Amino acid sequence: MGSSFGDVNQPASGAGPVSSVVRNKLNHLKELMQVLFTWNADSSLCVVSPVILRNPGELIIWPGKYLPTGYSLADGIPRLRSAFPAVYLAYRDPDTGLDIWPGGNGTTTFGVPNVMSTLMMGAGQRAGFTNRVLGTYVGEEAHANTGPENGPHDHFIGGFTAGVGFSSVGTGGQPISSNPTSGVSGAGIPHNTIPPCAIFLVGFKT
């Protein structure tokens, strides 16, 4: 028997009759690792395709148009507890009994993560950073700066700093403010805050 796993429904490399002792050990390994294989009529090993074990609710990133069988889109739409009991338990706070993710009605449905158009971030707090709470959403796709977010700066008028060195009377005897402004600048249009990203489907194991 070869040491590597082959494709589904293909005989293992060097296939031949397997002793009952080896066969029993392989059957035990099959149960432990959830490895798919069958036995040929001559007791040789056929196939061998490892199954990746996934916990209910575990997320995957998928590059294709449709998620694999056994996965549901992480779209934030509440799911029925009765239809996804294992996922419900995974997304439930074991200490409080409450849903971790918002959206459920508290009785028959529960919330699931909504990662559509959303980057993911680890919960908790590292030194010098903000504490992030599991099951919450933060950030914004676009942001318009407010006054306090602009750095300190001066505006200049006619070679004088605004508010300094102006007379009280201007041309034609019209008063001039001792604190003139240079007029409004900037449009306040929100700017993009998204870093370069590659877009995938994200689904959870049902």
N, C-alpha and C. Protein backbone atom coordinates (compact mmCIF):
# COMPACT_ATOMS: atom_id res chain seq x y z
N MET A 1 0.85 -1.19 0.00
CA MET A 1 0.00 0.00 0.00
C MET A 1 0.88 1.24 0.00
N GLY A 2 0.57 2.20 -0.85
CA GLY A 2 1.35 3.43 -0.92
C GLY A 2 1.18 4.27 0.33
N SER A 3 2.10 5.19 0.53
CA SER A 3 2.06 6.02 1.72
C SER A 3 1.24 7.28 1.52
N SER A 4 0.91 7.60 0.27
CA SER A 4 0.14 8.82 0.02
C SER A 4 -1.27 8.47 -0.37
N PHE A 5 -2.17 9.42 -0.14
CA PHE A 5 -3.56 9.24 -0.50
C PHE A 5 -3.75 9.56 -1.97
N GLY A 6 -4.52 8.75 -2.66
CA GLY A 6 -4.80 9.00 -4.06
C GLY A 6 -6.13 9.68 -4.26
N ASP A 7 -6.58 9.74 -5.50
CA ASP A 7 -7.86 10.36 -5.79
C ASP A 7 -9.00 9.42 -5.46
N VAL A 8 -10.19 10.00 -5.32
CA VAL A 8 -11.37 9.21 -5.01
C VAL A 8 -11.57 8.14 -6.08
N ASN A 9 -11.92 6.93 -5.62
CA ASN A 9 -12.21 5.79 -6.50
C ASN A 9 -11.00 5.30 -7.30
N GLN A 10 -9.82 5.70 -6.87
CA GLN A 10 -8.61 5.19 -7.50
C GLN A 10 -7.90 4.27 -6.52
N PRO A 11 -7.40 3.12 -6.99
CA PRO A 11 -6.71 2.22 -6.07
C PRO A 11 -5.45 2.88 -5.54
N ALA A 12 -5.12 2.58 -4.29
CA ALA A 12 -3.92 3.15 -3.71
C ALA A 12 -2.70 2.61 -4.43
N SER A 13 -1.63 3.40 -4.42
CA SER A 13 -0.41 2.98 -5.08
C SER A 13 0.11 1.69 -4.48
N GLY A 14 0.45 0.70 -5.34
CA GLY A 14 0.95 -0.57 -4.83
C GLY A 14 -0.14 -1.39 -4.19
N ALA A 15 -1.40 -1.20 -4.61
CA ALA A 15 -2.51 -1.87 -3.96
C ALA A 15 -2.38 -3.38 -4.08
N GLY A 16 -2.80 -4.06 -3.05
CA GLY A 16 -2.78 -5.51 -3.03
C GLY A 16 -3.52 -5.97 -1.79
N PRO A 17 -3.66 -7.26 -1.59
CA PRO A 17 -4.36 -7.76 -0.40
C PRO A 17 -3.75 -7.21 0.88
N VAL A 18 -4.61 -6.81 1.80
CA VAL A 18 -4.17 -6.25 3.07
C VAL A 18 -4.50 -7.23 4.18
N SER A 19 -3.57 -7.44 5.07
CA SER A 19 -3.80 -8.39 6.15
C SER A 19 -4.91 -7.90 7.06
N SER A 20 -5.52 -8.83 7.78
CA SER A 20 -6.63 -8.47 8.67
C SER A 20 -6.18 -7.52 9.76
N VAL A 21 -4.95 -7.66 10.22
CA VAL A 21 -4.44 -6.78 11.28
C VAL A 21 -4.32 -5.36 10.76
N VAL A 22 -3.71 -5.21 9.58
CA VAL A 22 -3.55 -3.89 8.99
C VAL A 22 -4.92 -3.30 8.66
N ARG A 23 -5.81 -4.16 8.18
CA ARG A 23 -7.14 -3.69 7.82
C ARG A 23 -7.88 -3.15 9.04
N ASN A 24 -7.78 -3.83 10.16
CA ASN A 24 -8.44 -3.36 11.39
C ASN A 24 -7.86 -2.03 11.83
N LYS A 25 -6.55 -1.90 11.71
CA LYS A 25 -5.92 -0.64 12.11
C LYS A 25 -6.35 0.50 11.19
N LEU A 26 -6.46 0.19 9.90
CA LEU A 26 -6.90 1.22 8.96
C LEU A 26 -8.35 1.61 9.20
N ASN A 27 -9.18 0.64 9.54
CA ASN A 27 -10.58 0.95 9.85
C ASN A 27 -10.68 1.85 11.07
N HIS A 28 -9.82 1.60 12.05
CA HIS A 28 -9.81 2.44 13.25
C HIS A 28 -9.35 3.85 12.88
N LEU A 29 -8.31 3.93 12.01
CA LEU A 29 -7.83 5.23 11.56
C LEU A 29 -8.92 5.97 10.80
N LYS A 30 -9.69 5.22 10.03
CA LYS A 30 -10.79 5.81 9.27
C LYS A 30 -11.79 6.47 10.20
N GLU A 31 -12.10 5.82 11.31
CA GLU A 31 -13.06 6.38 12.27
C GLU A 31 -12.49 7.62 12.94
N LEU A 32 -11.19 7.58 13.25
CA LEU A 32 -10.58 8.70 13.96
C LEU A 32 -10.43 9.94 13.06
N MET A 33 -10.05 9.72 11.82
CA MET A 33 -9.72 10.82 10.93
C MET A 33 -10.80 11.12 9.91
N GLN A 34 -11.87 10.35 9.90
CA GLN A 34 -12.94 10.55 8.94
C GLN A 34 -12.36 10.52 7.51
N VAL A 35 -11.56 9.48 7.25
CA VAL A 35 -10.98 9.31 5.92
C VAL A 35 -11.88 8.40 5.11
N LEU A 36 -12.17 8.80 3.89
CA LEU A 36 -13.03 8.00 3.03
C LEU A 36 -12.20 6.98 2.26
N PHE A 37 -12.47 5.70 2.45
CA PHE A 37 -11.90 4.68 1.58
C PHE A 37 -12.76 3.44 1.66
N THR A 38 -12.62 2.57 0.69
CA THR A 38 -13.40 1.33 0.63
C THR A 38 -12.44 0.17 0.40
N TRP A 39 -13.01 -1.02 0.47
CA TRP A 39 -12.21 -2.23 0.25
C TRP A 39 -12.67 -2.91 -1.02
N ASN A 40 -11.71 -3.29 -1.85
CA ASN A 40 -12.02 -4.05 -3.05
C ASN A 40 -12.34 -5.50 -2.69
N ALA A 41 -12.90 -6.23 -3.65
CA ALA A 41 -13.29 -7.62 -3.42
C ALA A 41 -12.10 -8.49 -3.02
N ASP A 42 -10.90 -8.15 -3.51
CA ASP A 42 -9.72 -8.95 -3.17
C ASP A 42 -9.02 -8.45 -1.92
N SER A 43 -9.74 -7.62 -1.15
CA SER A 43 -9.23 -7.06 0.10
C SER A 43 -8.13 -6.02 -0.11
N SER A 44 -7.99 -5.52 -1.31
CA SER A 44 -7.04 -4.43 -1.52
C SER A 44 -7.74 -3.11 -1.21
N LEU A 45 -6.92 -2.12 -0.86
CA LEU A 45 -7.46 -0.82 -0.47
C LEU A 45 -7.77 0.00 -1.71
N CYS A 46 -8.98 0.62 -1.72
CA CYS A 46 -9.36 1.45 -2.85
C CYS A 46 -9.72 2.82 -2.34
N VAL A 47 -9.19 3.69 -3.01
CA VAL A 47 -9.34 5.07 -2.75
C VAL A 47 -8.82 6.02 -1.89
N VAL A 48 -8.78 6.80 -1.68
CA VAL A 48 -8.39 7.35 -0.45
C VAL A 48 -8.50 8.85 -0.60
N SER A 49 -9.45 9.37 0.15
CA SER A 49 -9.69 10.81 0.07
C SER A 49 -9.96 11.35 1.47
N PRO A 50 -9.06 12.09 2.03
CA PRO A 50 -9.27 12.60 3.39
C PRO A 50 -10.40 13.63 3.44
N VAL A 51 -11.19 13.56 4.47
CA VAL A 51 -12.26 14.53 4.68
C VAL A 51 -11.78 15.55 5.72
N ILE A 52 -11.85 16.81 5.37
CA ILE A 52 -11.45 17.84 6.33
C ILE A 52 -12.60 18.07 7.29
N LEU A 53 -12.35 17.83 8.55
CA LEU A 53 -13.40 18.00 9.55
C LEU A 53 -13.62 19.48 9.81
N ARG A 54 -14.86 19.89 9.79
CA ARG A 54 -15.22 21.28 10.08
C ARG A 54 -16.24 21.31 11.19
N ASN A 55 -16.05 22.22 12.11
CA ASN A 55 -17.03 22.38 13.18
C ASN A 55 -18.23 23.16 12.67
N PRO A 56 -19.43 22.84 13.15
CA PRO A 56 -20.61 23.62 12.77
C PRO A 56 -20.39 25.10 13.07
N GLY A 57 -20.71 25.95 12.11
CA GLY A 57 -20.52 27.38 12.28
C GLY A 57 -19.16 27.89 11.84
N GLU A 58 -18.23 26.98 11.58
CA GLU A 58 -16.89 27.40 11.16
C GLU A 58 -16.95 28.07 9.80
N LEU A 59 -16.20 29.16 9.64
CA LEU A 59 -16.23 29.92 8.40
C LEU A 59 -15.17 29.42 7.42
N ILE A 60 -15.51 29.49 6.13
CA ILE A 60 -14.54 29.23 5.08
C ILE A 60 -14.57 30.39 4.09
N ILE A 61 -13.45 30.62 3.44
CA ILE A 61 -13.36 31.59 2.34
C ILE A 61 -13.36 30.79 1.05
N TRP A 62 -14.28 31.11 0.14
CA TRP A 62 -14.46 30.31 -1.06
C TRP A 62 -14.34 31.18 -2.30
N PRO A 63 -13.49 30.78 -3.28
CA PRO A 63 -13.27 31.62 -4.46
C PRO A 63 -14.26 31.39 -5.60
N GLY A 64 -15.09 30.35 -5.51
CA GLY A 64 -16.03 30.04 -6.58
C GLY A 64 -17.33 30.80 -6.46
N LYS A 65 -18.20 30.59 -7.44
CA LYS A 65 -19.48 31.32 -7.49
C LYS A 65 -20.47 30.78 -6.48
N TYR A 66 -20.40 29.49 -6.16
CA TYR A 66 -21.33 28.88 -5.22
C TYR A 66 -20.54 28.18 -4.11
N LEU A 67 -21.07 28.26 -2.90
CA LEU A 67 -20.43 27.58 -1.77
C LEU A 67 -20.57 26.07 -1.92
N PRO A 68 -19.65 25.30 -1.36
CA PRO A 68 -19.77 23.85 -1.41
C PRO A 68 -21.01 23.38 -0.63
N THR A 69 -21.44 22.17 -0.93
CA THR A 69 -22.55 21.57 -0.19
C THR A 69 -22.21 21.51 1.29
N GLY A 70 -23.18 21.84 2.12
CA GLY A 70 -22.95 21.80 3.56
C GLY A 70 -22.53 23.13 4.15
N TYR A 71 -22.56 24.19 3.33
CA TYR A 71 -22.20 25.52 3.81
C TYR A 71 -23.30 26.51 3.46
N SER A 72 -23.42 27.53 4.30
CA SER A 72 -24.42 28.57 4.09
C SER A 72 -23.74 29.92 4.14
N LEU A 73 -24.21 30.86 3.34
CA LEU A 73 -23.58 32.17 3.22
C LEU A 73 -23.65 32.93 4.54
N ALA A 74 -22.54 33.50 4.94
CA ALA A 74 -22.49 34.33 6.15
C ALA A 74 -23.00 35.72 5.79
N ASP A 75 -24.32 35.84 5.72
CA ASP A 75 -24.95 37.05 5.21
C ASP A 75 -25.73 37.83 6.26
N GLY A 76 -25.68 37.39 7.52
CA GLY A 76 -26.38 38.10 8.58
C GLY A 76 -27.86 37.85 8.66
N ILE A 77 -28.40 37.06 7.76
CA ILE A 77 -29.84 36.76 7.79
C ILE A 77 -30.11 35.74 8.90
N PRO A 78 -31.03 36.02 9.83
CA PRO A 78 -31.30 35.09 10.93
C PRO A 78 -31.68 33.70 10.41
N ARG A 79 -31.26 32.68 11.14
CA ARG A 79 -31.58 31.30 10.79
C ARG A 79 -32.47 30.69 11.87
N LEU A 80 -33.26 29.71 11.47
CA LEU A 80 -34.09 29.00 12.44
C LEU A 80 -33.23 28.11 13.32
N ARG A 81 -33.46 28.18 14.60
CA ARG A 81 -32.72 27.32 15.52
C ARG A 81 -33.00 25.84 15.23
N SER A 82 -34.23 25.55 14.87
CA SER A 82 -34.61 24.16 14.61
C SER A 82 -33.95 23.61 13.35
N ALA A 83 -33.63 24.48 12.39
CA ALA A 83 -33.02 24.04 11.14
C ALA A 83 -31.51 23.91 11.25
N PHE A 84 -30.90 24.70 12.13
CA PHE A 84 -29.45 24.68 12.30
C PHE A 84 -29.08 24.57 13.78
N PRO A 85 -29.47 23.50 14.45
CA PRO A 85 -29.26 23.40 15.90
C PRO A 85 -27.79 23.43 16.30
N ALA A 86 -26.92 22.79 15.52
CA ALA A 86 -25.50 22.76 15.87
C ALA A 86 -24.86 24.13 15.69
N VAL A 87 -25.26 24.85 14.64
CA VAL A 87 -24.73 26.19 14.42
C VAL A 87 -25.24 27.14 15.50
N TYR A 88 -26.50 26.97 15.87
CA TYR A 88 -27.06 27.80 16.94
C TYR A 88 -26.26 27.64 18.23
N LEU A 89 -25.90 26.43 18.57
CA LEU A 89 -25.11 26.20 19.78
C LEU A 89 -23.72 26.82 19.66
N ALA A 90 -23.15 26.78 18.46
CA ALA A 90 -21.83 27.35 18.25
C ALA A 90 -21.84 28.87 18.35
N TYR A 91 -22.96 29.50 17.94
CA TYR A 91 -23.07 30.95 17.94
C TYR A 91 -23.81 31.47 19.17
N ARG A 92 -23.88 30.67 20.17
CA ARG A 92 -24.57 31.03 21.41
C ARG A 92 -23.53 31.18 22.52
N ASP A 93 -23.67 32.20 23.33
CA ASP A 93 -22.75 32.40 24.46
C ASP A 93 -23.04 31.33 25.51
N PRO A 94 -22.09 30.42 25.77
CA PRO A 94 -22.36 29.34 26.72
C PRO A 94 -22.52 29.83 28.16
N ASP A 95 -22.04 31.03 28.44
CA ASP A 95 -22.12 31.56 29.81
C ASP A 95 -23.45 32.25 30.08
N THR A 96 -23.97 32.95 29.07
CA THR A 96 -25.21 33.70 29.28
C THR A 96 -26.42 33.07 28.60
N GLY A 97 -26.17 32.19 27.63
CA GLY A 97 -27.26 31.60 26.87
C GLY A 97 -27.81 32.52 25.80
N LEU A 98 -27.19 33.69 25.61
CA LEU A 98 -27.66 34.66 24.63
C LEU A 98 -26.93 34.48 23.30
N ASP A 99 -27.56 34.96 22.23
CA ASP A 99 -26.92 34.92 20.92
C ASP A 99 -25.70 35.85 20.91
N ILE A 100 -24.63 35.41 20.28
CA ILE A 100 -23.45 36.25 20.15
C ILE A 100 -23.65 37.28 19.04
N TRP A 101 -24.26 36.85 17.94
CA TRP A 101 -24.44 37.73 16.79
C TRP A 101 -25.86 38.29 16.77
N PRO A 102 -26.02 39.55 16.40
CA PRO A 102 -27.35 40.18 16.39
C PRO A 102 -28.22 39.66 15.25
N GLY A 103 -29.51 39.86 15.39
CA GLY A 103 -30.44 39.53 14.31
C GLY A 103 -31.51 38.53 14.69
N GLY A 104 -31.25 37.65 15.65
CA GLY A 104 -32.23 36.66 16.05
C GLY A 104 -33.34 37.26 16.88
N ASN A 105 -34.45 36.53 16.99
CA ASN A 105 -35.58 37.04 17.76
C ASN A 105 -35.56 36.57 19.21
N GLY A 106 -34.55 35.81 19.58
CA GLY A 106 -34.42 35.37 20.97
C GLY A 106 -35.19 34.13 21.33
N THR A 107 -35.98 33.62 20.40
CA THR A 107 -36.77 32.42 20.71
C THR A 107 -36.62 31.34 19.63
N THR A 108 -36.94 31.67 18.39
CA THR A 108 -36.92 30.64 17.34
C THR A 108 -35.82 30.85 16.31
N THR A 109 -35.23 32.04 16.26
CA THR A 109 -34.16 32.31 15.30
C THR A 109 -32.91 32.81 16.03
N PHE A 110 -31.79 32.76 15.34
CA PHE A 110 -30.54 33.26 15.90
C PHE A 110 -29.77 34.00 14.82
N GLY A 111 -28.88 34.88 15.25
CA GLY A 111 -28.09 35.67 14.32
C GLY A 111 -26.84 34.95 13.86
N VAL A 112 -26.44 35.24 12.64
CA VAL A 112 -25.19 34.71 12.11
C VAL A 112 -24.34 35.89 11.64
N PRO A 113 -23.03 35.70 11.52
CA PRO A 113 -22.18 36.82 11.09
C PRO A 113 -22.56 37.30 9.69
N ASN A 114 -22.46 38.59 9.50
CA ASN A 114 -22.65 39.17 8.16
C ASN A 114 -21.31 39.76 7.72
N VAL A 115 -20.60 39.02 6.90
CA VAL A 115 -19.28 39.47 6.46
C VAL A 115 -19.32 39.99 5.02
N MET A 116 -20.50 40.18 4.47
CA MET A 116 -20.61 40.72 3.12
C MET A 116 -20.13 42.18 3.12
N SER A 117 -19.24 42.51 2.21
CA SER A 117 -18.65 43.86 2.12
C SER A 117 -17.97 44.28 3.42
N THR A 118 -17.47 43.31 4.17
CA THR A 118 -16.91 43.60 5.49
C THR A 118 -15.61 42.85 5.70
N LEU A 119 -14.60 43.55 6.17
CA LEU A 119 -13.36 42.89 6.57
C LEU A 119 -13.54 42.29 7.96
N MET A 120 -12.79 41.24 8.25
CA MET A 120 -12.89 40.60 9.56
C MET A 120 -11.73 41.02 10.46
N MET A 121 -12.01 41.08 11.76
CA MET A 121 -11.01 41.51 12.74
C MET A 121 -11.10 40.60 13.97
N GLY A 122 -9.98 40.30 14.55
CA GLY A 122 -9.96 39.46 15.74
C GLY A 122 -10.51 40.18 16.96
N ALA A 123 -11.30 39.46 17.76
CA ALA A 123 -11.85 40.05 18.99
C ALA A 123 -10.75 40.16 20.04
N GLY A 124 -10.95 41.09 20.98
CA GLY A 124 -9.99 41.28 22.05
C GLY A 124 -9.22 42.57 21.89
N GLN A 125 -8.17 42.71 22.65
CA GLN A 125 -7.40 43.96 22.64
C GLN A 125 -5.91 43.67 22.74
N ARG A 126 -5.18 44.18 21.78
CA ARG A 126 -3.72 44.13 21.87
C ARG A 126 -3.22 45.45 22.41
N ALA A 127 -2.00 45.48 22.88
CA ALA A 127 -1.45 46.68 23.52
C ALA A 127 -1.52 47.87 22.58
N GLY A 128 -2.08 48.97 23.08
CA GLY A 128 -2.15 50.20 22.32
C GLY A 128 -3.31 50.30 21.36
N PHE A 129 -4.18 49.29 21.35
CA PHE A 129 -5.31 49.29 20.43
C PHE A 129 -6.63 49.23 21.20
N THR A 130 -7.73 49.47 20.47
CA THR A 130 -9.06 49.47 21.07
C THR A 130 -9.55 48.04 21.28
N ASN A 131 -10.23 47.80 22.37
CA ASN A 131 -10.83 46.49 22.62
C ASN A 131 -11.98 46.27 21.65
N ARG A 132 -11.98 45.11 20.99
CA ARG A 132 -13.04 44.78 20.03
C ARG A 132 -13.86 43.62 20.58
N VAL A 133 -15.17 43.81 20.64
CA VAL A 133 -16.08 42.85 21.26
C VAL A 133 -16.60 41.87 20.23
N LEU A 134 -16.55 40.59 20.55
CA LEU A 134 -17.04 39.55 19.66
C LEU A 134 -18.50 39.78 19.30
N GLY A 135 -18.84 39.62 18.02
CA GLY A 135 -20.22 39.74 17.58
C GLY A 135 -20.67 41.15 17.27
N THR A 136 -19.74 42.11 17.22
CA THR A 136 -20.11 43.49 16.91
C THR A 136 -19.49 43.90 15.57
N TYR A 137 -19.95 45.02 15.05
CA TYR A 137 -19.44 45.54 13.79
C TYR A 137 -18.89 46.94 14.02
N VAL A 138 -17.77 47.26 13.42
CA VAL A 138 -17.14 48.58 13.60
C VAL A 138 -16.68 49.09 12.24
N GLY A 139 -16.36 50.38 12.19
CA GLY A 139 -15.80 50.97 10.99
C GLY A 139 -16.85 51.50 10.03
N GLU A 140 -16.39 52.12 8.96
CA GLU A 140 -17.25 52.69 7.94
C GLU A 140 -16.54 52.61 6.59
N GLU A 141 -17.32 52.49 5.54
CA GLU A 141 -16.75 52.35 4.20
C GLU A 141 -16.16 53.65 3.69
N ALA A 142 -16.80 54.76 4.04
CA ALA A 142 -16.32 56.08 3.63
C ALA A 142 -16.46 57.02 4.81
N HIS A 143 -15.58 58.01 4.87
CA HIS A 143 -15.57 58.91 6.02
C HIS A 143 -15.34 60.35 5.57
N ALA A 144 -16.12 61.27 6.12
CA ALA A 144 -15.94 62.70 5.88
C ALA A 144 -15.30 63.32 7.11
N ASN A 145 -14.16 63.95 6.95
CA ASN A 145 -13.47 64.54 8.09
C ASN A 145 -14.30 65.65 8.73
N THR A 146 -14.25 65.71 10.04
CA THR A 146 -14.87 66.80 10.79
C THR A 146 -13.79 67.79 11.19
N GLY A 147 -14.21 68.95 11.68
CA GLY A 147 -13.25 69.99 12.06
C GLY A 147 -12.12 69.50 12.95
N PRO A 148 -12.44 68.84 14.07
CA PRO A 148 -11.38 68.42 14.98
C PRO A 148 -10.40 67.42 14.34
N GLU A 149 -10.82 66.76 13.25
CA GLU A 149 -9.94 65.78 12.61
C GLU A 149 -8.94 66.42 11.66
N ASN A 150 -9.14 67.71 11.34
CA ASN A 150 -8.18 68.41 10.49
C ASN A 150 -7.00 68.85 11.33
N GLY A 151 -5.83 68.71 10.80
CA GLY A 151 -4.64 69.13 11.54
C GLY A 151 -4.57 70.64 11.71
N PRO A 152 -3.85 71.14 12.71
CA PRO A 152 -3.70 72.59 12.90
C PRO A 152 -3.10 73.22 11.64
N HIS A 153 -3.66 74.35 11.21
CA HIS A 153 -3.15 75.02 10.02
C HIS A 153 -3.60 76.48 9.99
N ASP A 154 -2.90 77.32 9.22
CA ASP A 154 -3.25 78.73 9.04
C ASP A 154 -3.78 78.96 7.64
N HIS A 155 -4.63 80.00 7.51
CA HIS A 155 -5.06 80.49 6.21
C HIS A 155 -4.47 81.88 6.04
N PHE A 156 -4.00 82.19 4.84
CA PHE A 156 -3.36 83.48 4.61
C PHE A 156 -4.19 84.33 3.65
N ILE A 157 -4.25 85.64 3.98
CA ILE A 157 -5.00 86.59 3.15
C ILE A 157 -4.08 87.78 2.86
N GLY A 158 -3.82 88.02 1.60
CA GLY A 158 -3.02 89.20 1.22
C GLY A 158 -1.69 89.26 1.93
N GLY A 159 -1.12 88.13 2.22
CA GLY A 159 0.19 88.13 2.86
C GLY A 159 0.14 88.25 4.36
N PHE A 160 -1.07 88.43 4.94
CA PHE A 160 -1.20 88.52 6.39
C PHE A 160 -1.90 87.28 6.93
N THR A 161 -1.48 86.85 8.07
CA THR A 161 -2.18 85.75 8.72
C THR A 161 -3.55 86.24 9.18
N ALA A 162 -4.57 85.44 8.93
CA ALA A 162 -5.94 85.84 9.29
C ALA A 162 -6.01 86.22 10.75
N GLY A 163 -6.63 87.39 11.02
CA GLY A 163 -6.82 87.83 12.40
C GLY A 163 -5.68 88.66 12.94
N VAL A 164 -4.64 88.89 12.11
CA VAL A 164 -3.49 89.65 12.61
C VAL A 164 -3.15 90.78 11.63
N GLY A 165 -2.96 92.03 12.14
CA GLY A 165 -2.42 93.12 11.35
C GLY A 165 -3.39 93.78 10.40
N PHE A 166 -4.67 93.79 10.69
CA PHE A 166 -5.64 94.44 9.81
C PHE A 166 -6.14 95.73 10.47
N SER A 167 -6.38 96.78 9.62
CA SER A 167 -6.94 98.02 10.14
C SER A 167 -8.44 97.85 10.32
N SER A 168 -9.03 98.79 11.03
CA SER A 168 -10.46 98.69 11.31
C SER A 168 -11.30 99.29 10.21
N VAL A 169 -10.67 100.04 9.28
CA VAL A 169 -11.43 100.68 8.21
C VAL A 169 -10.80 100.32 6.87
N GLY A 170 -11.63 99.91 5.93
CA GLY A 170 -11.10 99.51 4.63
C GLY A 170 -11.43 100.54 3.58
N THR A 171 -11.32 100.11 2.30
CA THR A 171 -11.59 101.01 1.17
C THR A 171 -13.03 101.52 1.23
N GLY A 172 -13.21 102.84 1.03
CA GLY A 172 -14.54 103.42 1.05
C GLY A 172 -15.11 103.56 2.44
N GLY A 173 -14.27 103.46 3.45
CA GLY A 173 -14.73 103.64 4.81
C GLY A 173 -15.49 102.48 5.37
N GLN A 174 -15.47 101.32 4.65
CA GLN A 174 -16.17 100.14 5.16
C GLN A 174 -15.30 99.42 6.19
N PRO A 175 -15.89 99.07 7.30
CA PRO A 175 -15.09 98.40 8.34
C PRO A 175 -14.62 97.01 7.88
N ILE A 176 -13.46 96.65 8.32
CA ILE A 176 -12.90 95.31 8.06
C ILE A 176 -12.77 94.58 9.39
N SER A 177 -13.23 93.40 9.41
CA SER A 177 -13.13 92.60 10.64
C SER A 177 -11.67 92.38 10.99
N SER A 178 -11.39 92.44 12.26
CA SER A 178 -10.02 92.15 12.71
C SER A 178 -9.74 90.66 12.66
N ASN A 179 -10.77 89.85 12.35
CA ASN A 179 -10.60 88.40 12.24
C ASN A 179 -11.26 87.89 10.96
N PRO A 180 -10.76 88.33 9.80
CA PRO A 180 -11.39 87.91 8.56
C PRO A 180 -11.11 86.44 8.27
N THR A 181 -11.89 85.88 7.37
CA THR A 181 -11.67 84.49 6.95
C THR A 181 -11.33 84.46 5.48
N SER A 182 -10.77 83.36 5.04
CA SER A 182 -10.38 83.23 3.65
C SER A 182 -11.47 82.59 2.81
N GLY A 183 -12.63 82.33 3.40
CA GLY A 183 -13.70 81.66 2.68
C GLY A 183 -13.65 80.16 2.90
N VAL A 184 -14.70 79.51 2.50
CA VAL A 184 -14.82 78.07 2.71
C VAL A 184 -13.98 77.31 1.68
N SER A 185 -13.26 76.32 2.14
CA SER A 185 -12.50 75.46 1.24
C SER A 185 -12.86 74.01 1.51
N GLY A 186 -12.83 73.19 0.49
CA GLY A 186 -13.16 71.78 0.67
C GLY A 186 -14.66 71.54 0.56
N ALA A 187 -15.01 70.33 0.13
CA ALA A 187 -16.43 70.02 -0.07
C ALA A 187 -17.00 69.10 1.01
N GLY A 188 -16.15 68.53 1.83
CA GLY A 188 -16.65 67.64 2.88
C GLY A 188 -17.17 66.31 2.35
N ILE A 189 -16.74 65.93 1.14
CA ILE A 189 -17.20 64.68 0.56
C ILE A 189 -16.49 63.50 1.23
N PRO A 190 -17.24 62.49 1.66
CA PRO A 190 -16.60 61.33 2.30
C PRO A 190 -15.59 60.68 1.36
N HIS A 191 -14.48 60.23 1.94
CA HIS A 191 -13.45 59.58 1.14
C HIS A 191 -13.39 58.10 1.47
N ASN A 192 -12.93 57.33 0.54
CA ASN A 192 -12.84 55.88 0.68
C ASN A 192 -11.84 55.50 1.77
N THR A 193 -12.22 54.56 2.61
CA THR A 193 -11.32 54.10 3.67
C THR A 193 -10.94 52.63 3.50
N ILE A 194 -11.28 52.03 2.34
CA ILE A 194 -11.07 50.60 2.14
C ILE A 194 -9.68 50.33 1.56
N PRO A 195 -8.89 49.47 2.18
CA PRO A 195 -7.61 49.09 1.60
C PRO A 195 -7.83 48.15 0.41
N PRO A 196 -6.81 47.88 -0.38
CA PRO A 196 -6.97 46.92 -1.49
C PRO A 196 -7.45 45.57 -0.97
N CYS A 197 -8.44 45.00 -1.62
CA CYS A 197 -9.04 43.74 -1.16
C CYS A 197 -9.29 42.81 -2.34
N ALA A 198 -9.28 41.51 -2.06
CA ALA A 198 -9.77 40.50 -3.00
C ALA A 198 -11.10 40.00 -2.46
N ILE A 199 -12.08 39.79 -3.32
CA ILE A 199 -13.44 39.49 -2.89
C ILE A 199 -13.75 38.00 -3.05
N PHE A 200 -14.23 37.38 -1.98
CA PHE A 200 -14.57 35.97 -1.97
C PHE A 200 -15.96 35.78 -1.37
N LEU A 201 -16.49 34.57 -1.49
CA LEU A 201 -17.64 34.17 -0.70
C LEU A 201 -17.15 33.70 0.66
N VAL A 202 -17.92 33.99 1.69
CA VAL A 202 -17.62 33.48 3.03
C VAL A 202 -18.85 32.73 3.53
N GLY A 203 -18.67 31.50 3.90
CA GLY A 203 -19.79 30.69 4.36
C GLY A 203 -19.47 29.99 5.66
N PHE A 204 -20.53 29.51 6.34
CA PHE A 204 -20.32 28.78 7.58
C PHE A 204 -20.81 27.35 7.41
N LYS A 205 -20.15 26.43 8.13
CA LYS A 205 -20.50 25.02 8.06
C LYS A 205 -21.84 24.81 8.75
N THR A 206 -22.75 24.11 8.08
CA THR A 206 -24.08 23.89 8.66
C THR A 206 -24.14 22.56 9.39
